[in-house]
N, C-alpha and C. Protein backbone atom coordinates (compact mmCIF):
# COMPACT_ATOMS: atom_id res chain seq x y z
N MET A 1 87.52 110.07 99.04
CA MET A 1 88.36 109.09 99.73
C MET A 1 87.75 107.69 99.63
N ALA A 2 86.41 107.63 99.82
CA ALA A 2 85.74 106.32 99.76
C ALA A 2 85.88 105.70 98.37
N LEU A 3 85.75 106.52 97.33
CA LEU A 3 85.90 106.03 95.96
C LEU A 3 87.32 105.52 95.72
N LEU A 4 88.31 106.26 96.19
CA LEU A 4 89.71 105.84 96.02
C LEU A 4 90.00 104.56 96.80
N ILE A 5 89.44 104.43 98.00
CA ILE A 5 89.62 103.19 98.78
C ILE A 5 89.02 102.01 98.02
N ALA A 6 87.81 102.21 97.47
CA ALA A 6 87.18 101.13 96.69
C ALA A 6 88.04 100.74 95.49
N LEU A 7 88.61 101.73 94.81
CA LEU A 7 89.50 101.45 93.68
C LEU A 7 90.74 100.68 94.11
N VAL A 8 91.30 101.06 95.25
CA VAL A 8 92.48 100.36 95.76
C VAL A 8 92.15 98.90 96.03
N VAL A 9 91.02 98.65 96.67
CA VAL A 9 90.62 97.27 96.99
C VAL A 9 90.44 96.46 95.72
N VAL A 10 89.68 96.99 94.77
CA VAL A 10 89.39 96.26 93.53
C VAL A 10 90.67 96.03 92.72
N LEU A 11 91.48 97.07 92.55
CA LEU A 11 92.69 96.94 91.74
C LEU A 11 93.70 95.99 92.37
N GLN A 12 93.81 96.00 93.70
CA GLN A 12 94.74 95.08 94.34
C GLN A 12 94.26 93.64 94.23
N MET A 13 92.95 93.43 94.35
CA MET A 13 92.43 92.08 94.22
C MET A 13 92.59 91.58 92.78
N LEU A 14 92.33 92.43 91.81
CA LEU A 14 92.51 92.04 90.41
C LEU A 14 93.99 91.86 90.07
N GLY A 15 94.85 92.63 90.74
CA GLY A 15 96.29 92.57 90.47
C GLY A 15 96.88 91.20 90.67
N SER A 16 96.30 90.40 91.55
CA SER A 16 96.82 89.06 91.78
C SER A 16 96.53 88.13 90.61
N PHE A 17 95.58 88.52 89.76
CA PHE A 17 95.23 87.68 88.63
C PHE A 17 95.82 88.17 87.32
N ILE A 18 96.36 89.40 87.30
CA ILE A 18 97.03 89.94 86.11
C ILE A 18 98.53 89.77 86.35
N LYS A 19 99.15 88.86 85.61
CA LYS A 19 100.53 88.51 85.91
C LYS A 19 101.41 88.57 84.68
N ILE A 20 102.70 88.85 84.95
CA ILE A 20 103.76 88.65 83.96
C ILE A 20 104.62 87.54 84.54
N GLY A 21 104.55 86.36 83.94
CA GLY A 21 105.23 85.21 84.53
C GLY A 21 104.58 84.91 85.87
N PRO A 22 105.37 84.75 86.93
CA PRO A 22 104.80 84.44 88.23
C PRO A 22 104.40 85.68 89.03
N LEU A 23 104.65 86.87 88.50
CA LEU A 23 104.50 88.08 89.30
C LEU A 23 103.21 88.83 89.00
N PRO A 24 102.49 89.21 90.07
CA PRO A 24 101.29 90.02 89.86
C PRO A 24 101.68 91.45 89.47
N MET A 25 100.88 92.05 88.59
CA MET A 25 101.10 93.44 88.20
C MET A 25 100.22 94.33 89.06
N SER A 26 100.78 95.39 89.57
CA SER A 26 100.06 96.24 90.49
C SER A 26 99.70 97.58 89.85
N PHE A 27 98.39 97.75 89.58
CA PHE A 27 97.88 99.03 89.11
C PHE A 27 97.36 99.86 90.28
N VAL A 28 97.44 99.27 91.46
CA VAL A 28 96.86 99.87 92.66
C VAL A 28 97.54 101.18 93.06
N LEU A 29 98.77 101.38 92.63
CA LEU A 29 99.47 102.59 93.03
C LEU A 29 98.87 103.85 92.39
N VAL A 30 98.15 103.69 91.30
CA VAL A 30 97.58 104.86 90.62
C VAL A 30 96.57 105.59 91.50
N PRO A 31 95.53 104.93 92.04
CA PRO A 31 94.62 105.68 92.92
C PRO A 31 95.29 106.16 94.20
N ILE A 32 96.32 105.46 94.65
CA ILE A 32 97.05 105.91 95.83
C ILE A 32 97.75 107.23 95.53
N VAL A 33 98.37 107.32 94.36
CA VAL A 33 99.05 108.57 93.96
C VAL A 33 98.03 109.69 93.77
N VAL A 34 96.90 109.38 93.12
CA VAL A 34 95.87 110.40 92.93
C VAL A 34 95.41 110.93 94.29
N GLY A 35 95.15 110.04 95.23
CA GLY A 35 94.72 110.46 96.56
C GLY A 35 95.79 111.25 97.29
N ALA A 36 97.03 110.81 97.16
CA ALA A 36 98.13 111.51 97.82
C ALA A 36 98.30 112.93 97.27
N CYS A 37 98.11 113.09 95.96
CA CYS A 37 98.25 114.42 95.34
C CYS A 37 97.05 115.30 95.66
N LEU A 38 95.85 114.74 95.58
CA LEU A 38 94.63 115.53 95.78
C LEU A 38 94.36 115.85 97.24
N LEU A 39 94.56 114.85 98.09
CA LEU A 39 94.12 114.98 99.48
C LEU A 39 95.26 115.22 100.46
N GLY A 40 96.46 114.72 100.16
CA GLY A 40 97.60 114.95 101.02
C GLY A 40 98.31 113.68 101.44
N PRO A 41 99.47 113.84 102.07
CA PRO A 41 100.28 112.68 102.46
C PRO A 41 99.59 111.73 103.43
N LYS A 42 98.84 112.26 104.40
CA LYS A 42 98.16 111.38 105.37
C LYS A 42 97.15 110.49 104.67
N GLU A 43 96.40 111.08 103.76
CA GLU A 43 95.41 110.31 103.02
C GLU A 43 96.09 109.31 102.09
N GLY A 44 97.22 109.71 101.50
CA GLY A 44 98.01 108.77 100.70
C GLY A 44 98.46 107.59 101.54
N ALA A 45 98.85 107.87 102.79
CA ALA A 45 99.27 106.79 103.70
C ALA A 45 98.10 105.86 104.02
N VAL A 46 96.91 106.43 104.23
CA VAL A 46 95.72 105.61 104.50
C VAL A 46 95.42 104.71 103.31
N LEU A 47 95.44 105.29 102.11
CA LEU A 47 95.20 104.50 100.89
C LEU A 47 96.27 103.41 100.74
N GLY A 48 97.51 103.76 101.03
CA GLY A 48 98.57 102.76 101.01
C GLY A 48 98.32 101.68 102.05
N GLY A 49 97.83 102.08 103.22
CA GLY A 49 97.51 101.11 104.26
C GLY A 49 96.45 100.12 103.82
N VAL A 50 95.43 100.61 103.10
CA VAL A 50 94.39 99.72 102.57
C VAL A 50 95.03 98.72 101.60
N PHE A 51 95.91 99.21 100.74
CA PHE A 51 96.65 98.37 99.81
C PHE A 51 97.43 97.30 100.57
N GLY A 52 98.12 97.70 101.63
CA GLY A 52 98.89 96.75 102.43
C GLY A 52 98.03 95.70 103.10
N VAL A 53 96.88 96.12 103.63
CA VAL A 53 95.97 95.17 104.30
C VAL A 53 95.42 94.15 103.31
N ILE A 54 95.03 94.62 102.11
CA ILE A 54 94.51 93.69 101.11
C ILE A 54 95.60 92.71 100.67
N THR A 55 96.81 93.21 100.46
CA THR A 55 97.94 92.34 100.11
C THR A 55 98.15 91.29 101.19
N MET A 56 98.11 91.74 102.43
CA MET A 56 98.31 90.86 103.57
C MET A 56 97.21 89.78 103.63
N ILE A 57 95.97 90.18 103.49
CA ILE A 57 94.85 89.23 103.55
C ILE A 57 94.95 88.21 102.42
N MET A 58 95.28 88.67 101.22
CA MET A 58 95.39 87.76 100.08
C MET A 58 96.52 86.75 100.27
N GLY A 59 97.57 87.19 100.96
CA GLY A 59 98.65 86.26 101.27
C GLY A 59 98.26 85.28 102.36
N ILE A 60 97.61 85.75 103.39
CA ILE A 60 97.24 84.90 104.52
C ILE A 60 96.26 83.81 104.10
N VAL A 61 95.27 84.17 103.26
CA VAL A 61 94.27 83.17 102.85
C VAL A 61 94.72 82.35 101.64
N GLY A 62 95.87 82.70 101.05
CA GLY A 62 96.43 81.89 99.98
C GLY A 62 95.98 82.25 98.57
N ILE A 63 95.30 83.40 98.40
CA ILE A 63 94.90 83.82 97.05
C ILE A 63 96.13 84.13 96.21
N ASP A 64 97.10 84.79 96.81
CA ASP A 64 98.36 85.07 96.13
C ASP A 64 99.41 84.08 96.65
N ALA A 65 99.84 83.18 95.78
CA ALA A 65 100.71 82.08 96.20
C ALA A 65 102.05 82.56 96.76
N PHE A 66 102.65 83.56 96.12
CA PHE A 66 103.94 84.04 96.59
C PHE A 66 103.82 84.69 97.96
N SER A 67 102.79 85.52 98.14
CA SER A 67 102.57 86.15 99.45
C SER A 67 102.28 85.10 100.52
N TYR A 68 101.55 84.07 100.13
CA TYR A 68 101.26 82.98 101.08
C TYR A 68 102.55 82.29 101.51
N LEU A 69 103.46 82.08 100.56
CA LEU A 69 104.76 81.47 100.87
C LEU A 69 105.52 82.32 101.88
N LEU A 70 105.53 83.65 101.66
CA LEU A 70 106.21 84.55 102.60
C LEU A 70 105.53 84.54 103.97
N PHE A 71 104.20 84.52 103.97
CA PHE A 71 103.45 84.49 105.24
C PHE A 71 103.79 83.22 106.02
N THR A 72 103.82 82.07 105.36
CA THR A 72 104.12 80.83 106.08
C THR A 72 105.58 80.78 106.53
N ALA A 73 106.47 81.46 105.79
CA ALA A 73 107.89 81.48 106.18
C ALA A 73 108.12 82.35 107.41
N ASN A 74 107.44 83.50 107.49
CA ASN A 74 107.66 84.41 108.61
C ASN A 74 106.45 85.36 108.71
N PRO A 75 105.39 84.94 109.43
CA PRO A 75 104.15 85.73 109.44
C PRO A 75 104.31 87.16 109.95
N VAL A 76 105.08 87.35 111.01
CA VAL A 76 105.21 88.69 111.60
C VAL A 76 105.88 89.64 110.63
N TRP A 77 107.01 89.23 110.06
CA TRP A 77 107.71 90.12 109.14
C TRP A 77 106.96 90.29 107.82
N PHE A 78 106.20 89.27 107.43
CA PHE A 78 105.36 89.41 106.23
C PHE A 78 104.36 90.55 106.43
N ILE A 79 103.68 90.55 107.56
CA ILE A 79 102.69 91.58 107.85
C ILE A 79 103.35 92.96 107.94
N ILE A 80 104.49 93.03 108.62
CA ILE A 80 105.19 94.32 108.77
C ILE A 80 105.63 94.86 107.41
N VAL A 81 106.25 94.01 106.59
CA VAL A 81 106.73 94.46 105.28
C VAL A 81 105.55 94.89 104.40
N CYS A 82 104.47 94.11 104.40
CA CYS A 82 103.27 94.47 103.61
C CYS A 82 102.76 95.86 103.97
N LEU A 83 102.62 96.10 105.26
CA LEU A 83 102.04 97.36 105.70
C LEU A 83 103.00 98.53 105.53
N VAL A 84 104.26 98.34 105.91
CA VAL A 84 105.22 99.45 105.86
C VAL A 84 105.47 99.90 104.43
N LYS A 85 105.68 98.97 103.51
CA LYS A 85 105.98 99.36 102.13
C LYS A 85 104.80 100.08 101.49
N ALA A 86 103.59 99.62 101.76
CA ALA A 86 102.41 100.22 101.15
C ALA A 86 102.09 101.59 101.74
N ILE A 87 102.14 101.69 103.06
CA ILE A 87 101.87 102.98 103.71
C ILE A 87 102.92 104.01 103.30
N ALA A 88 104.19 103.58 103.29
CA ALA A 88 105.27 104.50 102.91
C ALA A 88 105.14 104.96 101.46
N ALA A 89 104.68 104.09 100.57
CA ALA A 89 104.51 104.47 99.16
C ALA A 89 103.50 105.61 99.03
N GLY A 90 102.37 105.50 99.71
CA GLY A 90 101.37 106.56 99.67
C GLY A 90 101.82 107.83 100.37
N LEU A 91 102.43 107.66 101.53
CA LEU A 91 102.91 108.81 102.31
C LEU A 91 103.98 109.58 101.54
N CYS A 92 104.98 108.87 101.05
CA CYS A 92 106.10 109.54 100.35
C CYS A 92 105.65 110.21 99.06
N SER A 93 104.72 109.57 98.35
CA SER A 93 104.18 110.17 97.14
C SER A 93 103.51 111.51 97.47
N GLY A 94 102.71 111.52 98.54
CA GLY A 94 102.06 112.75 98.97
C GLY A 94 103.04 113.80 99.44
N LEU A 95 104.10 113.38 100.15
CA LEU A 95 105.11 114.32 100.63
C LEU A 95 105.88 114.95 99.48
N VAL A 96 106.18 114.15 98.46
CA VAL A 96 106.87 114.69 97.28
C VAL A 96 105.99 115.73 96.60
N TYR A 97 104.72 115.40 96.39
CA TYR A 97 103.82 116.34 95.73
C TYR A 97 103.66 117.62 96.56
N LYS A 98 103.45 117.46 97.86
CA LYS A 98 103.26 118.62 98.74
C LYS A 98 104.53 119.47 98.82
N GLY A 99 105.69 118.80 98.95
CA GLY A 99 106.96 119.52 99.03
C GLY A 99 107.25 120.31 97.77
N LEU A 100 107.00 119.68 96.62
CA LEU A 100 107.21 120.38 95.34
C LEU A 100 106.19 121.50 95.16
N GLY A 101 104.99 121.31 95.72
CA GLY A 101 103.97 122.36 95.68
C GLY A 101 104.41 123.59 96.45
N LYS A 102 105.05 123.37 97.59
CA LYS A 102 105.57 124.51 98.37
C LYS A 102 106.71 125.19 97.63
N LEU A 103 107.50 124.40 96.92
CA LEU A 103 108.64 124.94 96.21
C LEU A 103 108.22 125.70 94.95
N PHE A 104 107.29 125.13 94.18
CA PHE A 104 106.92 125.70 92.89
C PHE A 104 105.57 126.41 92.87
N GLY A 105 104.78 126.26 93.92
CA GLY A 105 103.44 126.84 93.92
C GLY A 105 102.56 126.13 92.91
N GLU A 106 101.82 126.90 92.11
CA GLU A 106 100.91 126.34 91.11
C GLU A 106 101.62 125.97 89.81
N LYS A 107 102.90 126.28 89.69
CA LYS A 107 103.64 125.98 88.47
C LYS A 107 104.05 124.51 88.45
N PHE A 108 104.41 124.06 87.27
CA PHE A 108 104.99 122.73 87.05
C PHE A 108 104.11 121.60 87.61
N VAL A 109 102.80 121.68 87.35
CA VAL A 109 101.87 120.66 87.84
C VAL A 109 102.26 119.28 87.30
N TYR A 110 102.61 119.24 86.01
CA TYR A 110 102.97 117.96 85.40
C TYR A 110 104.21 117.36 86.08
N LEU A 111 105.23 118.16 86.27
CA LEU A 111 106.46 117.68 86.91
C LEU A 111 106.18 117.19 88.34
N LYS A 112 105.41 117.95 89.10
CA LYS A 112 105.09 117.56 90.48
C LYS A 112 104.36 116.22 90.52
N THR A 113 103.40 116.06 89.61
CA THR A 113 102.60 114.84 89.61
C THR A 113 103.40 113.64 89.13
N VAL A 114 104.20 113.84 88.09
CA VAL A 114 105.04 112.73 87.59
C VAL A 114 106.01 112.27 88.67
N LEU A 115 106.65 113.21 89.35
CA LEU A 115 107.60 112.82 90.40
C LEU A 115 106.89 112.12 91.57
N ALA A 116 105.69 112.58 91.91
CA ALA A 116 104.91 111.89 92.94
C ALA A 116 104.52 110.49 92.47
N ALA A 117 104.15 110.37 91.19
CA ALA A 117 103.72 109.08 90.64
C ALA A 117 104.86 108.07 90.62
N VAL A 118 106.06 108.49 90.26
CA VAL A 118 107.18 107.53 90.21
C VAL A 118 107.77 107.27 91.60
N THR A 119 107.48 108.14 92.56
CA THR A 119 107.95 107.90 93.93
C THR A 119 107.30 106.66 94.51
N ALA A 120 106.01 106.47 94.23
CA ALA A 120 105.28 105.34 94.83
C ALA A 120 105.91 103.98 94.51
N PRO A 121 106.18 103.63 93.22
CA PRO A 121 106.79 102.33 92.98
C PRO A 121 108.23 102.23 93.48
N ILE A 122 108.96 103.35 93.49
CA ILE A 122 110.34 103.31 93.99
C ILE A 122 110.34 102.96 95.48
N VAL A 123 109.49 103.62 96.25
CA VAL A 123 109.42 103.36 97.70
C VAL A 123 108.87 101.97 97.96
N ASN A 124 107.78 101.61 97.27
CA ASN A 124 107.15 100.30 97.45
C ASN A 124 108.14 99.17 97.18
N THR A 125 108.81 99.24 96.04
CA THR A 125 109.76 98.19 95.67
C THR A 125 111.02 98.24 96.54
N GLY A 126 111.49 99.44 96.85
CA GLY A 126 112.69 99.55 97.69
C GLY A 126 112.52 98.91 99.05
N ILE A 127 111.40 99.16 99.70
CA ILE A 127 111.15 98.56 101.02
C ILE A 127 110.92 97.06 100.88
N PHE A 128 110.25 96.64 99.80
CA PHE A 128 110.07 95.21 99.54
C PHE A 128 111.42 94.50 99.43
N VAL A 129 112.33 95.08 98.65
CA VAL A 129 113.66 94.47 98.45
C VAL A 129 114.41 94.37 99.78
N VAL A 130 114.40 95.45 100.54
CA VAL A 130 115.07 95.43 101.85
C VAL A 130 114.45 94.36 102.74
N GLY A 131 113.12 94.29 102.74
CA GLY A 131 112.44 93.27 103.55
C GLY A 131 112.79 91.86 103.12
N MET A 132 112.84 91.63 101.80
CA MET A 132 113.18 90.29 101.30
C MET A 132 114.60 89.90 101.71
N LEU A 133 115.52 90.83 101.57
CA LEU A 133 116.92 90.52 101.87
C LEU A 133 117.16 90.36 103.37
N LEU A 134 116.46 91.14 104.19
CA LEU A 134 116.66 91.06 105.63
C LEU A 134 115.92 89.90 106.29
N PHE A 135 114.68 89.64 105.86
CA PHE A 135 113.83 88.71 106.60
C PHE A 135 113.43 87.45 105.84
N PHE A 136 113.67 87.41 104.54
CA PHE A 136 113.22 86.26 103.75
C PHE A 136 114.32 85.70 102.85
N PHE A 137 115.57 86.00 103.16
CA PHE A 137 116.67 85.59 102.29
C PHE A 137 116.72 84.07 102.13
N GLU A 138 116.58 83.34 103.24
CA GLU A 138 116.64 81.87 103.18
C GLU A 138 115.47 81.32 102.37
N THR A 139 114.31 81.93 102.50
CA THR A 139 113.16 81.50 101.72
C THR A 139 113.43 81.70 100.24
N MET A 140 114.02 82.84 99.89
CA MET A 140 114.34 83.13 98.49
C MET A 140 115.35 82.14 97.94
N GLU A 141 116.31 81.74 98.77
CA GLU A 141 117.34 80.80 98.32
C GLU A 141 116.73 79.46 97.90
N GLY A 142 115.65 79.07 98.56
CA GLY A 142 115.04 77.78 98.26
C GLY A 142 114.07 77.79 97.08
N LEU A 143 113.65 78.95 96.62
CA LEU A 143 112.63 79.02 95.57
C LEU A 143 113.04 78.40 94.23
N PRO A 144 114.25 78.65 93.72
CA PRO A 144 114.60 78.04 92.43
C PRO A 144 114.50 76.52 92.44
N ALA A 145 114.87 75.89 93.56
CA ALA A 145 114.78 74.43 93.64
C ALA A 145 113.33 73.97 93.81
N MET A 146 112.55 74.73 94.58
CA MET A 146 111.15 74.36 94.83
C MET A 146 110.27 74.57 93.61
N PHE A 147 110.52 75.65 92.85
CA PHE A 147 109.69 76.00 91.69
C PHE A 147 110.59 76.24 90.48
N PRO A 148 111.18 75.17 89.93
CA PRO A 148 112.12 75.38 88.82
C PRO A 148 111.49 76.00 87.58
N ASP A 149 110.21 75.73 87.34
CA ASP A 149 109.57 76.32 86.15
C ASP A 149 109.44 77.83 86.27
N ALA A 150 109.17 78.31 87.47
CA ALA A 150 108.96 79.75 87.66
C ALA A 150 110.26 80.48 87.98
N PHE A 151 111.09 79.88 88.82
CA PHE A 151 112.26 80.59 89.35
C PHE A 151 113.59 79.92 89.03
N GLY A 152 113.56 78.84 88.25
CA GLY A 152 114.77 78.06 88.02
C GLY A 152 115.90 78.78 87.31
N SER A 153 115.59 79.86 86.59
CA SER A 153 116.63 80.57 85.84
C SER A 153 117.49 81.48 86.73
N PHE A 154 117.12 81.63 87.99
CA PHE A 154 117.87 82.50 88.90
C PHE A 154 118.83 81.65 89.72
N GLU A 155 120.10 82.05 89.71
CA GLU A 155 121.13 81.25 90.35
C GLU A 155 121.14 81.35 91.86
N ASN A 156 120.75 82.51 92.40
CA ASN A 156 120.78 82.66 93.86
C ASN A 156 119.68 83.61 94.31
N ALA A 157 119.52 83.71 95.61
CA ALA A 157 118.44 84.52 96.18
C ALA A 157 118.59 85.99 95.82
N PHE A 158 119.82 86.47 95.79
CA PHE A 158 120.06 87.88 95.48
C PHE A 158 119.54 88.23 94.09
N SER A 159 119.90 87.40 93.09
CA SER A 159 119.43 87.68 91.72
C SER A 159 117.93 87.48 91.62
N LEU A 160 117.37 86.53 92.35
CA LEU A 160 115.93 86.31 92.33
C LEU A 160 115.19 87.54 92.85
N VAL A 161 115.65 88.09 93.97
CA VAL A 161 114.99 89.26 94.55
C VAL A 161 115.14 90.47 93.65
N PHE A 162 116.38 90.77 93.22
CA PHE A 162 116.61 91.99 92.47
C PHE A 162 116.16 91.90 91.02
N LEU A 163 116.53 90.83 90.33
CA LEU A 163 116.23 90.74 88.90
C LEU A 163 114.84 90.19 88.65
N GLY A 164 114.43 89.23 89.45
CA GLY A 164 113.15 88.58 89.22
C GLY A 164 112.00 89.30 89.87
N LEU A 165 111.86 89.11 91.16
CA LEU A 165 110.69 89.62 91.87
C LEU A 165 110.60 91.13 91.83
N ALA A 166 111.61 91.79 92.33
CA ALA A 166 111.57 93.26 92.39
C ALA A 166 111.77 93.88 91.02
N GLY A 167 112.69 93.33 90.23
CA GLY A 167 113.01 93.93 88.94
C GLY A 167 111.82 93.98 88.00
N LEU A 168 111.20 92.83 87.75
CA LEU A 168 110.06 92.79 86.84
C LEU A 168 108.87 93.57 87.38
N ASN A 169 108.59 93.38 88.65
CA ASN A 169 107.45 94.07 89.26
C ASN A 169 107.68 95.58 89.27
N PHE A 170 108.90 95.99 89.61
CA PHE A 170 109.20 97.42 89.64
C PHE A 170 109.05 98.04 88.27
N ILE A 171 109.59 97.38 87.26
CA ILE A 171 109.50 97.93 85.90
C ILE A 171 108.03 98.09 85.50
N GLY A 172 107.22 97.07 85.80
CA GLY A 172 105.80 97.16 85.49
C GLY A 172 105.12 98.29 86.21
N GLU A 173 105.31 98.38 87.52
CA GLU A 173 104.68 99.44 88.32
C GLU A 173 105.17 100.82 87.89
N PHE A 174 106.46 100.93 87.66
CA PHE A 174 107.05 102.21 87.26
C PHE A 174 106.46 102.68 85.93
N LEU A 175 106.40 101.77 84.95
CA LEU A 175 105.88 102.13 83.63
C LEU A 175 104.39 102.48 83.69
N VAL A 176 103.63 101.70 84.45
CA VAL A 176 102.20 102.01 84.58
C VAL A 176 102.02 103.40 85.15
N ASN A 177 102.75 103.72 86.22
CA ASN A 177 102.62 105.04 86.83
C ASN A 177 103.12 106.14 85.90
N LEU A 178 104.21 105.88 85.19
CA LEU A 178 104.75 106.87 84.27
C LEU A 178 103.81 107.12 83.10
N ILE A 179 103.27 106.04 82.53
CA ILE A 179 102.36 106.16 81.39
C ILE A 179 101.06 106.84 81.80
N LEU A 180 100.58 106.51 82.99
CA LEU A 180 99.31 107.09 83.45
C LEU A 180 99.48 108.45 84.11
N SER A 181 100.70 108.92 84.25
CA SER A 181 100.93 110.23 84.87
C SER A 181 100.18 111.36 84.19
N PRO A 182 100.14 111.42 82.84
CA PRO A 182 99.36 112.50 82.23
C PRO A 182 97.89 112.47 82.65
N ALA A 183 97.33 111.25 82.75
CA ALA A 183 95.93 111.13 83.19
C ALA A 183 95.80 111.57 84.65
N ILE A 184 96.77 111.17 85.47
CA ILE A 184 96.74 111.56 86.88
C ILE A 184 96.84 113.09 86.99
N VAL A 185 97.73 113.68 86.19
CA VAL A 185 97.88 115.14 86.19
C VAL A 185 96.55 115.79 85.84
N ARG A 186 95.90 115.28 84.82
CA ARG A 186 94.62 115.86 84.37
C ARG A 186 93.57 115.75 85.46
N ILE A 187 93.48 114.57 86.09
CA ILE A 187 92.50 114.37 87.17
C ILE A 187 92.77 115.34 88.31
N VAL A 188 94.03 115.40 88.74
CA VAL A 188 94.40 116.29 89.85
C VAL A 188 94.08 117.74 89.50
N ASP A 189 94.43 118.15 88.29
CA ASP A 189 94.21 119.53 87.86
C ASP A 189 92.72 119.88 87.82
N ILE A 190 91.91 119.01 87.23
CA ILE A 190 90.47 119.27 87.12
C ILE A 190 89.82 119.32 88.49
N VAL A 191 90.13 118.33 89.34
CA VAL A 191 89.51 118.27 90.67
C VAL A 191 89.91 119.47 91.50
N LYS A 192 91.18 119.85 91.43
CA LYS A 192 91.64 121.00 92.21
C LYS A 192 90.93 122.29 91.78
N LYS A 193 90.72 122.43 90.47
CA LYS A 193 90.01 123.63 89.99
C LYS A 193 88.56 123.63 90.43
N LYS A 194 87.93 122.44 90.41
CA LYS A 194 86.52 122.33 90.79
C LYS A 194 86.30 122.63 92.26
N ILE A 195 87.21 122.09 93.11
CA ILE A 195 87.01 122.28 94.55
C ILE A 195 87.87 123.42 95.10
N LYS A 196 88.61 124.05 94.19
CA LYS A 196 89.45 125.20 94.54
C LYS A 196 90.38 124.91 95.71
N ILE A 197 91.20 123.87 95.57
CA ILE A 197 92.20 123.54 96.62
C ILE A 197 93.31 124.56 96.55
């Protein structure tokens, strides 16, 4: 657990510096999924919580400019969205893996792990989108005018949230988790055999 927490912290901090356009790429979901599969949904939620806290801190201190913008626009909802989306991503990933484990037993390890791996970005991005639309819609509406170089191609807040922020970030997170799923499966399989879970 300590090793996975350390990985979450490092990957989330590095994620703010690895960008596609204005958006940070998040590799942090990989250790969260590994923890959720190996240790269980509660541990996945804890790992997700660490991810949320680091995201929150980086936004509050201004390391991540977009998160800082959201924090200054609405600090309470920024903190809630950061924590809820991250905790839910780890929890749901673990619940999917555990639920499929009860359904299939030791069979279909690859399928169970892949579905758990893709659950994390779906939940993370889904809650982010809902949060943006419910609590930061006005902030999103002003971004194309404030930052025309980064967001000027989006006509309105809805397209910015869905196509820009969530769309690009989701595709990146989804592909990273999907591509790394075989490695996650291998790690989960080896560790489970070693510790006889």
